[in-house]
Amino acid sequence: MTSKLSRAAMIAGIVIGAGGLVAVPAYAANGVSTANYYVNNPSIGSASALTPESATVSASIDTGGSAESLLPVPPTGVLWSPLAGITITPEKWNDGTAPWLAAASASTYAPIDGIPVSGSSSSVSATITDAANSSIGDGGLGPKSGVPQPVSNGGADNYSDVTFEYDPVSDYVANGNLPGPETNQIQDIQVPTTPGLSGVSATLGAFGQAAQSATGNTPLTPGTKYYYWIVQQAGGTDAASNINVSAWTGAKDANGNPTANSYKCYPNAAIQADPFLAAELVTGATVTYGGSTLPADQGPCIYYYGDTGGALYYQSPNGEFTTPAIGAVKIGAAAKLTTVTTKRIVKFGKKKKHHRVIRTVKPTGAWLPLTDASAFKASGTVELTIGGKVIGTAKFNLAPKASGLVKIVLTGDGMKALKSSATAQVAPVSTTVTVASTSNWDQPFVGKSVKL
């Protein structure tokens, strides 16, 4: 994407060449359009809080929120860069706010920018083309039809949708330096429209099973370099309604017959500026056209200012980060036993010197040696099995780079195995087997068996 026309330049009436700008849309009879939005491209910020499976990333965006401004258009039109492909139709602004109107009444102006700041009552430019149509009882807007007019935001919430996307660099490069099949994204973030720049941040991936379950995010791959970027919609509002416009526009098919009812998303502020459209917001209102009667209003929708199709998005440059490698949890090859010693005296004669003390050491429990070889904490459960049957469970919680002994809770069969110094197998960390160990932070286990 190329840079947009700055607001300062627009207000001063300075014309500069720019690529990627949006032309004022041309509408057929009876339609609603709003002023274009002109925003700076989003810029990517830094990555922080890196873990083997997550990263916090940031960006800076221009939501488009500002007071509406007017661009003087000379009789010869505006000269844009050929790359822009922009046509601005000269229009007389009708609210009398432009200070130069009285002195230059012959001049024409194009309303531009002006997405309302979220929660404000500032106006946005709306052009409502409404010709009289007696067959449906619409008197039209008369002199106001097709002429830009200010409509109040009415305190509505206006926002910009932002989506963070990311892709392993290897996948990106393999796809010809474009987002590849491994590209992922997180849930959209709504940023209220405000003047100037807004910061936005999000966590990509999730480190640990709890975070993955809570967020629904897919964990990143440890020890991997990623590109990340944002895709941004400049500004929209959910204070909008999906209303039936077929009768209003007089839509007809190729044979001149009324077409089936269809719906269009418009801001409520613009709908209220036209008496015929405003009637469609009345509870229970219906429209009969094209041989069917349907509700006039299908309910709330999202209207994107400057583009009624909502298809214009802006993409930032790429940022990059590398997730650190994740270490393993090492399991000791032999358990440390707890024992109890009993003694009994065996007499071989009446004299004490012929007596013997026989001591017997019996194991009463076992502790599993564990080492967190990672720079990140480790927790989970180790299941020990013999013949596929669980004979002991050890739950652990270790600090980074820490070692410790974790008590093995033995079953009855486990106690028998302990007394016979049997060797138990370590169940794998897996969701596809009947008996499995767990690693809450996704570290692999090193060590497949433990001698009791």
Protein backbone atom coordinates (compact mmCIF):
# COMPACT_ATOMS: atom_id res chain seq x y z
CA MET A 1 0.00 0.00 0.00
CA THR A 2 1.13 3.56 -0.64
CA SER A 3 0.71 6.53 1.66
CA LYS A 4 -2.52 8.52 1.84
CA LEU A 5 -3.22 12.23 1.52
CA SER A 6 -2.64 13.92 4.87
CA ARG A 7 -5.48 15.76 6.59
CA ALA A 8 -3.38 18.91 6.84
CA ALA A 9 -2.95 18.94 3.07
CA MET A 10 -6.66 18.40 2.49
CA ILE A 11 -7.76 21.18 4.82
CA ALA A 12 -5.31 23.60 3.19
CA GLY A 13 -6.52 22.58 -0.24
CA ILE A 14 -3.05 21.39 -1.29
CA VAL A 15 -3.27 18.72 -3.95
CA ILE A 16 -0.59 16.03 -3.95
CA GLY A 17 -0.24 12.86 -5.96
CA ALA A 18 -0.98 9.69 -4.04
CA GLY A 19 -1.57 6.05 -4.83
CA GLY A 20 -4.20 3.78 -3.37
CA LEU A 21 -6.75 6.53 -2.66
CA VAL A 22 -10.46 5.98 -3.03
CA ALA A 23 -12.55 7.87 -5.55
CA VAL A 24 -15.83 9.42 -4.47
CA PRO A 25 -18.24 6.67 -5.56
CA ALA A 26 -20.76 7.32 -8.29
CA TYR A 27 -24.21 6.02 -7.37
CA ALA A 28 -27.24 5.29 -9.45
CA ALA A 29 -30.55 7.00 -8.69
CA ASN A 30 -31.44 6.72 -5.03
CA GLY A 31 -28.52 5.71 -2.89
CA VAL A 32 -26.47 6.77 0.12
CA SER A 33 -22.76 7.51 0.18
CA THR A 34 -20.46 9.02 2.77
CA ALA A 35 -17.20 10.91 2.54
CA ASN A 36 -14.05 9.00 1.74
CA TYR A 37 -11.67 8.18 4.52
CA TYR A 38 -8.02 9.07 4.08
CA VAL A 39 -5.66 7.45 6.55
CA ASN A 40 -1.97 6.89 7.04
CA ASN A 41 -0.82 3.33 6.48
CA PRO A 42 -0.48 1.33 9.70
CA SER A 43 3.02 0.82 11.02
CA ILE A 44 4.21 -2.30 12.79
CA GLY A 45 5.67 -2.13 16.29
CA SER A 46 8.00 -4.32 18.30
CA ALA A 47 7.51 -7.81 19.71
CA SER A 48 7.92 -8.49 23.43
CA ALA A 49 7.15 -11.09 26.13
CA LEU A 50 8.54 -13.84 23.91
CA THR A 51 7.97 -17.43 25.01
CA PRO A 52 8.50 -20.62 23.00
CA GLU A 53 4.84 -20.54 21.91
CA SER A 54 3.69 -16.91 22.14
CA ALA A 55 4.66 -13.30 21.58
CA THR A 56 3.09 -9.92 22.30
CA VAL A 57 3.18 -7.69 19.22
CA SER A 58 2.20 -4.05 18.69
CA ALA A 59 1.29 -1.65 15.91
CA SER A 60 0.28 1.95 15.35
CA ILE A 61 -2.80 2.79 13.28
CA ASP A 62 -4.69 5.80 11.99
CA THR A 63 -8.38 5.05 12.50
CA GLY A 64 -9.56 7.97 10.36
CA GLY A 65 -11.41 9.72 13.18
CA SER A 66 -11.37 13.50 12.59
CA ALA A 67 -13.60 16.44 11.90
CA GLU A 68 -14.86 16.51 8.32
CA SER A 69 -12.87 18.70 5.95
CA LEU A 70 -13.51 20.22 2.53
CA LEU A 71 -11.23 20.14 -0.48
CA PRO A 72 -11.65 23.09 -2.90
CA VAL A 73 -12.12 21.75 -6.42
CA PRO A 74 -11.29 24.19 -9.26
CA PRO A 75 -13.39 24.19 -12.45
CA THR A 76 -10.64 22.24 -14.17
CA GLY A 77 -10.87 19.49 -11.58
CA VAL A 78 -8.17 18.05 -9.34
CA LEU A 79 -4.96 16.68 -10.85
CA TRP A 80 -3.94 13.45 -9.16
CA SER A 81 -1.10 11.08 -9.77
CA PRO A 82 -2.08 8.68 -12.58
CA LEU A 83 -1.52 5.87 -10.06
CA ALA A 84 -4.36 7.15 -7.91
CA GLY A 85 -7.17 6.70 -10.42
CA ILE A 86 -9.31 9.25 -8.56
CA THR A 87 -12.20 11.30 -9.86
CA ILE A 88 -13.80 13.88 -7.58
CA THR A 89 -17.03 15.31 -8.91
CA PRO A 90 -17.27 19.03 -7.99
CA GLU A 91 -20.06 19.54 -5.45
CA LYS A 92 -21.32 22.63 -3.62
CA TRP A 93 -21.18 22.04 0.12
CA ASN A 94 -24.50 23.14 1.61
CA ASP A 95 -24.05 23.61 5.36
CA GLY A 96 -22.43 27.05 5.16
CA THR A 97 -19.52 26.15 7.42
CA ALA A 98 -16.73 26.68 4.90
CA PRO A 99 -15.33 30.19 5.59
CA TRP A 100 -14.57 30.77 1.91
CA LEU A 101 -18.09 30.05 0.63
CA ALA A 102 -19.30 33.65 0.88
CA ALA A 103 -16.20 35.06 -0.82
CA ALA A 104 -16.00 32.42 -3.49
CA SER A 105 -19.56 31.31 -4.03
CA ALA A 106 -18.71 30.06 -7.50
CA SER A 107 -16.21 27.57 -6.09
CA THR A 108 -17.09 23.94 -5.55
CA TYR A 109 -15.93 21.65 -2.79
CA ALA A 110 -15.60 17.93 -2.18
CA PRO A 111 -16.27 16.67 1.38
CA ILE A 112 -13.54 14.25 2.38
CA ASP A 113 -12.39 12.33 5.44
CA GLY A 114 -14.59 13.01 8.42
CA ILE A 115 -15.21 9.64 10.04
CA PRO A 116 -16.74 10.70 13.37
CA VAL A 117 -14.76 10.21 16.53
CA SER A 118 -16.29 7.32 18.47
CA GLY A 119 -18.92 8.45 20.96
CA SER A 120 -19.06 11.99 19.57
CA SER A 121 -21.89 13.98 18.01
CA SER A 122 -19.66 15.43 15.28
CA SER A 123 -21.00 15.23 11.74
CA VAL A 124 -20.06 13.02 8.86
CA SER A 125 -20.76 13.98 5.26
CA ALA A 126 -23.59 12.00 3.66
CA THR A 127 -24.87 12.29 0.10
CA ILE A 128 -28.42 10.96 -0.20
CA THR A 129 -29.71 10.69 -3.74
CA ASP A 130 -33.49 10.49 -3.51
CA ALA A 131 -35.69 11.25 -6.51
CA ALA A 132 -39.45 11.54 -6.05
CA ASN A 133 -41.33 8.31 -6.74
CA SER A 134 -45.12 8.61 -6.48
CA SER A 135 -45.67 4.87 -6.92
CA ILE A 136 -44.23 4.20 -3.50
CA GLY A 137 -45.21 7.49 -1.89
CA ASP A 138 -41.69 8.91 -1.73
CA GLY A 139 -41.58 12.65 -2.20
CA GLY A 140 -37.80 12.68 -2.56
CA LEU A 141 -35.38 15.16 -1.01
CA GLY A 142 -35.79 17.92 -3.60
CA PRO A 143 -32.81 20.35 -3.67
CA LYS A 144 -30.95 18.21 -1.10
CA SER A 145 -31.01 15.12 -3.31
CA GLY A 146 -27.47 14.24 -4.40
CA VAL A 147 -25.99 17.12 -2.39
CA PRO A 148 -23.56 16.43 0.48
CA GLN A 149 -25.01 17.25 3.88
CA PRO A 150 -23.77 16.83 7.43
CA VAL A 151 -25.41 14.17 9.59
CA SER A 152 -24.64 13.82 13.29
CA ASN A 153 -22.79 10.80 14.61
CA GLY A 154 -25.28 10.91 17.48
CA GLY A 155 -22.80 9.47 19.99
CA ALA A 156 -22.50 6.20 18.05
CA ASP A 157 -19.57 3.86 18.46
CA ASN A 158 -17.22 4.13 15.50
CA TYR A 159 -14.21 1.88 15.25
CA SER A 160 -11.51 0.42 13.07
CA ASP A 161 -11.12 -3.35 12.74
CA VAL A 162 -7.55 -4.58 13.12
CA THR A 163 -6.35 -8.13 12.46
CA PHE A 164 -2.86 -9.37 13.35
CA GLU A 165 -1.55 -12.06 11.00
CA TYR A 166 1.67 -14.08 11.19
CA ASP A 167 3.55 -16.70 9.22
CA PRO A 168 6.79 -18.66 9.78
CA VAL A 169 9.49 -17.02 7.66
CA SER A 170 10.32 -20.36 6.02
CA ASP A 171 6.69 -20.70 4.85
CA TYR A 172 6.59 -17.07 3.71
CA VAL A 173 9.79 -17.39 1.67
CA ALA A 174 8.75 -20.73 0.18
CA ASN A 175 5.57 -19.05 -1.09
CA GLY A 176 7.50 -16.46 -3.09
CA ASN A 177 7.83 -13.94 -0.24
CA LEU A 178 4.09 -13.85 0.26
CA PRO A 179 1.91 -15.20 3.09
CA GLY A 180 1.93 -18.98 2.78
CA PRO A 181 -0.45 -21.77 3.76
CA GLU A 182 0.76 -21.68 7.39
CA THR A 183 -0.37 -18.06 7.84
CA ASN A 184 -2.54 -17.64 10.92
CA GLN A 185 -4.46 -14.78 12.51
CA ILE A 186 -6.09 -13.91 15.77
CA GLN A 187 -9.53 -12.49 16.49
CA ASP A 188 -10.21 -8.97 15.20
CA ILE A 189 -9.57 -6.05 17.53
CA GLN A 190 -11.90 -3.06 17.46
CA VAL A 191 -10.13 0.28 18.03
CA PRO A 192 -12.37 3.35 18.61
CA THR A 193 -11.93 6.07 15.98
CA THR A 194 -9.87 8.95 17.36
CA PRO A 195 -7.85 11.84 15.92
CA GLY A 196 -4.22 10.99 15.26
CA LEU A 197 -2.59 7.63 15.85
CA SER A 198 -3.76 4.79 18.08
CA GLY A 199 -1.65 2.00 19.54
CA VAL A 200 -2.84 -1.58 19.40
CA SER A 201 -1.28 -4.79 20.68
CA ALA A 202 -2.14 -8.47 20.89
CA THR A 203 -0.71 -11.85 21.89
CA LEU A 204 0.05 -14.27 19.09
CA GLY A 205 -0.11 -17.92 20.05
CA ALA A 206 -0.36 -19.11 23.64
CA PHE A 207 2.21 -20.70 25.95
CA GLY A 208 0.80 -23.58 27.92
CA GLN A 209 -2.41 -25.56 27.87
CA ALA A 210 -4.28 -23.19 30.19
CA ALA A 211 -3.55 -20.18 27.96
CA GLN A 212 -4.42 -22.15 24.84
CA SER A 213 -7.78 -23.21 26.31
CA ALA A 214 -8.58 -19.71 27.58
CA THR A 215 -7.74 -17.86 24.36
CA GLY A 216 -8.33 -20.44 21.66
CA ASN A 217 -5.02 -19.32 20.13
CA THR A 218 -2.85 -21.82 18.29
CA PRO A 219 0.58 -22.09 19.96
CA LEU A 220 3.56 -20.85 17.99
CA THR A 221 6.39 -23.25 17.18
CA PRO A 222 9.39 -23.01 19.53
CA GLY A 223 12.69 -21.91 18.02
CA THR A 224 11.06 -20.45 14.91
CA LYS A 225 11.41 -17.11 13.11
CA TYR A 226 8.11 -15.40 12.25
CA TYR A 227 6.92 -12.46 10.17
CA TYR A 228 3.89 -10.57 11.48
CA TRP A 229 1.78 -7.69 10.16
CA ILE A 230 -1.65 -6.12 10.57
CA VAL A 231 -4.56 -5.68 8.19
CA GLN A 232 -6.71 -2.68 9.11
CA GLN A 233 -10.12 -1.36 8.09
CA ALA A 234 -10.00 2.41 8.46
CA GLY A 235 -13.35 3.04 10.10
CA GLY A 236 -16.87 1.69 10.48
CA THR A 237 -19.87 1.71 12.76
CA ASP A 238 -22.31 -0.87 14.06
CA ALA A 239 -24.89 1.92 14.53
CA ALA A 240 -26.20 0.88 11.14
CA SER A 241 -29.15 -1.08 9.78
CA ASN A 242 -29.72 -3.47 6.91
CA ILE A 243 -32.78 -1.95 5.21
CA ASN A 244 -34.77 -3.00 2.15
CA VAL A 245 -34.03 -0.56 -0.69
CA SER A 246 -35.57 -2.28 -3.71
CA ALA A 247 -38.78 -0.22 -3.75
CA TRP A 248 -36.85 2.97 -2.98
CA THR A 249 -34.41 2.47 -5.85
CA GLY A 250 -37.10 1.12 -8.16
CA ALA A 251 -34.89 -1.83 -9.03
CA LYS A 252 -36.03 -3.69 -12.14
CA ASP A 253 -34.83 -6.72 -14.03
CA ALA A 254 -33.91 -6.88 -17.75
CA ASN A 255 -37.60 -7.12 -18.68
CA GLY A 256 -38.54 -4.03 -16.71
CA ASN A 257 -40.26 -5.94 -13.92
CA PRO A 258 -39.69 -5.17 -10.22
CA THR A 259 -36.84 -7.33 -8.88
CA ALA A 260 -36.94 -9.27 -5.66
CA ASN A 261 -36.47 -7.36 -2.42
CA SER A 262 -32.86 -6.65 -1.50
CA TYR A 263 -31.15 -5.03 1.46
CA LYS A 264 -28.39 -2.44 1.92
CA CYS A 265 -26.39 -1.51 5.03
CA TYR A 266 -26.48 2.22 5.82
CA PRO A 267 -25.51 4.24 8.93
CA ASN A 268 -28.54 5.01 11.09
CA ALA A 269 -27.58 8.71 11.01
CA ALA A 270 -27.82 8.73 7.21
CA ILE A 271 -31.05 6.71 7.19
CA GLN A 272 -32.67 9.21 9.54
CA ALA A 273 -31.75 12.06 7.14
CA ASP A 274 -34.20 10.71 4.55
CA PRO A 275 -37.92 10.54 5.49
CA PHE A 276 -38.66 7.50 3.32
CA LEU A 277 -35.71 5.49 4.67
CA ALA A 278 -36.38 6.59 8.25
CA ALA A 279 -39.82 4.99 8.03
CA GLU A 280 -38.16 1.63 7.44
CA LEU A 281 -36.66 1.70 10.92
CA VAL A 282 -40.09 1.78 12.58
CA THR A 283 -40.72 -1.46 14.44
CA GLY A 284 -42.78 -3.86 12.35
CA ALA A 285 -42.39 -1.92 9.08
CA THR A 286 -42.57 -4.02 5.91
CA VAL A 287 -41.80 -3.51 2.23
CA THR A 288 -43.81 -5.04 -0.59
CA TYR A 289 -41.95 -5.20 -3.88
CA GLY A 290 -41.14 -7.78 -6.51
CA GLY A 291 -44.14 -9.85 -5.53
CA SER A 292 -43.24 -10.39 -1.87
CA THR A 293 -43.66 -8.65 1.46
CA LEU A 294 -40.63 -8.66 3.75
CA PRO A 295 -39.49 -6.84 6.89
CA ALA A 296 -38.17 -3.40 6.02
CA ASP A 297 -35.29 -3.76 8.49
CA GLN A 298 -33.23 -6.91 8.86
CA GLY A 299 -31.43 -5.61 11.92
CA PRO A 300 -28.00 -4.23 12.78
CA CYS A 301 -25.05 -4.41 10.39
CA ILE A 302 -21.58 -2.93 10.10
CA TYR A 303 -21.15 0.01 7.75
CA TYR A 304 -17.63 0.92 6.62
CA TYR A 305 -17.23 4.63 5.90
CA GLY A 306 -15.95 5.50 2.45
CA ASP A 307 -16.74 2.13 0.94
CA THR A 308 -20.22 0.65 1.21
CA GLY A 309 -18.89 -2.77 0.23
CA GLY A 310 -16.43 -2.80 3.14
CA ALA A 311 -13.68 -4.09 0.85
CA LEU A 312 -10.91 -1.53 1.47
CA TYR A 313 -8.19 -2.59 3.87
CA TYR A 314 -4.68 -1.37 4.61
CA GLN A 315 -1.73 -3.61 5.40
CA SER A 316 1.35 -2.72 7.40
CA PRO A 317 4.93 -3.71 6.59
CA ASN A 318 6.23 -6.90 8.18
CA GLY A 319 7.77 -7.15 11.61
CA GLU A 320 9.70 -10.18 12.78
CA PHE A 321 10.60 -12.13 15.91
CA THR A 322 12.04 -15.52 16.80
CA THR A 323 10.50 -17.71 19.48
CA PRO A 324 13.06 -19.16 21.92
CA ALA A 325 13.65 -22.89 21.96
CA ILE A 326 11.87 -24.90 24.63
CA GLY A 327 13.81 -27.28 26.88
CA ALA A 328 12.84 -30.75 28.04
CA VAL A 329 11.84 -32.15 31.43
CA LYS A 330 14.41 -34.81 32.26
CA ILE A 331 13.22 -37.84 34.22
CA GLY A 332 15.72 -39.70 36.37
CA ALA A 333 16.41 -43.32 35.42
CA ALA A 334 15.98 -44.55 39.00
CA ALA A 335 13.51 -43.52 41.68
CA LYS A 336 14.73 -42.47 45.12
CA LEU A 337 13.11 -44.77 47.68
CA THR A 338 11.86 -44.11 51.16
CA THR A 339 12.31 -47.11 53.44
CA VAL A 340 11.58 -48.42 56.89
CA THR A 341 14.02 -50.62 58.79
CA THR A 342 12.79 -53.35 61.10
CA LYS A 343 14.92 -55.60 63.35
CA ARG A 344 14.47 -58.87 65.11
CA ILE A 345 16.73 -60.84 67.44
CA VAL A 346 17.53 -64.45 66.62
CA LYS A 347 18.84 -66.52 69.51
CA PHE A 348 21.27 -69.32 68.82
CA GLY A 349 21.84 -70.16 72.46
CA LYS A 350 21.15 -68.98 75.96
CA LYS A 351 24.07 -66.66 76.09
CA LYS A 352 23.63 -63.14 74.79
CA LYS A 353 26.77 -63.33 72.72
CA HIS A 354 25.10 -65.97 70.65
CA HIS A 355 22.16 -63.67 69.79
CA ARG A 356 21.97 -62.04 66.33
CA VAL A 357 20.14 -58.83 65.27
CA ILE A 358 18.58 -59.22 61.83
CA ARG A 359 17.69 -55.93 60.18
CA THR A 360 15.27 -55.77 57.27
CA VAL A 361 14.94 -52.69 55.04
CA LYS A 362 11.57 -52.36 53.32
CA PRO A 363 10.65 -49.70 50.73
CA THR A 364 7.59 -47.65 51.68
CA GLY A 365 7.47 -45.13 48.85
CA ALA A 366 9.32 -43.61 45.90
CA TRP A 367 10.30 -40.16 44.68
CA LEU A 368 10.89 -39.30 41.03
CA PRO A 369 13.96 -37.16 40.17
CA LEU A 370 13.02 -34.39 37.70
CA THR A 371 14.99 -31.56 36.10
CA ASP A 372 13.50 -28.66 34.16
CA ALA A 373 16.15 -28.10 31.48
CA SER A 374 14.19 -25.15 30.05
CA ALA A 375 14.44 -21.43 30.71
CA PHE A 376 10.68 -21.58 31.36
CA LYS A 377 8.67 -23.13 34.16
CA ALA A 378 7.46 -26.70 33.87
CA SER A 379 4.45 -28.46 35.34
CA GLY A 380 2.31 -31.48 34.63
CA THR A 381 1.87 -35.13 35.50
CA VAL A 382 4.06 -38.17 34.87
CA GLU A 383 2.22 -41.48 34.61
CA LEU A 384 4.24 -44.66 35.24
CA THR A 385 2.96 -47.91 33.77
CA ILE A 386 3.75 -51.61 33.75
CA GLY A 387 2.09 -53.65 31.06
CA GLY A 388 0.06 -50.63 29.99
CA LYS A 389 -1.50 -50.25 33.44
CA VAL A 390 -0.90 -47.18 35.62
CA ILE A 391 1.04 -48.09 38.77
CA GLY A 392 2.07 -44.61 39.88
CA THR A 393 1.44 -40.88 39.29
CA ALA A 394 3.80 -37.97 39.97
CA LYS A 395 2.57 -34.37 39.71
CA PHE A 396 5.30 -31.77 39.37
CA ASN A 397 5.77 -28.00 39.28
CA LEU A 398 9.30 -26.79 38.67
CA ALA A 399 10.87 -23.37 38.31
CA PRO A 400 13.08 -22.72 35.25
CA LYS A 401 16.35 -24.69 35.34
CA ALA A 402 15.32 -26.27 38.65
CA SER A 403 15.64 -29.87 39.84
CA GLY A 404 13.67 -31.70 42.46
CA LEU A 405 12.15 -34.90 43.78
CA VAL A 406 8.44 -35.46 43.19
CA LYS A 407 6.51 -38.02 45.21
CA ILE A 408 5.11 -40.93 43.23
CA VAL A 409 1.62 -41.87 44.37
CA LEU A 410 1.65 -45.65 43.95
CA THR A 411 -1.29 -47.99 43.42
CA GLY A 412 -1.48 -51.44 45.02
CA ASP A 413 0.25 -52.90 41.99
CA GLY A 414 2.74 -50.07 42.25
CA MET A 415 3.66 -51.07 45.80
CA LYS A 416 4.21 -54.65 44.63
CA ALA A 417 6.40 -53.37 41.80
CA LEU A 418 8.32 -51.24 44.29
CA LYS A 419 9.04 -54.22 46.52
CA SER A 420 10.33 -56.23 43.57
CA SER A 421 12.46 -53.37 42.22
CA ALA A 422 10.59 -53.52 38.90
CA THR A 423 11.10 -51.07 36.07
CA ALA A 424 8.14 -48.89 35.05
CA GLN A 425 7.58 -47.20 31.71
CA VAL A 426 6.91 -43.46 31.36
CA ALA A 427 3.63 -42.84 29.52
CA PRO A 428 4.03 -40.46 26.56
CA VAL A 429 2.76 -36.90 26.38
CA SER A 430 -0.05 -37.50 23.90
CA THR A 431 -3.78 -37.04 23.40
CA THR A 432 -4.12 -40.12 21.21
CA VAL A 433 -3.25 -42.83 23.74
CA THR A 434 -5.30 -44.32 26.57
CA VAL A 435 -2.70 -43.67 29.26
CA ALA A 436 -0.76 -40.41 28.85
CA SER A 437 1.44 -38.05 30.82
CA THR A 438 0.76 -34.33 30.57
CA SER A 439 3.00 -31.30 30.17
CA ASN A 440 1.16 -28.07 30.89
CA TRP A 441 3.87 -26.03 29.18
CA ASP A 442 4.42 -28.37 26.22
CA GLN A 443 7.94 -29.42 27.19
CA PRO A 444 8.85 -32.92 25.99
CA PHE A 445 9.94 -35.57 28.51
CA VAL A 446 13.41 -37.12 28.31
CA GLY A 447 13.49 -40.58 29.88
CA LYS A 448 11.33 -43.56 28.95
CA SER A 449 11.64 -45.81 32.01
CA VAL A 450 12.24 -45.59 35.76
CA LYS A 451 13.65 -48.32 37.99
CA LEU A 452 11.72 -48.48 41.25
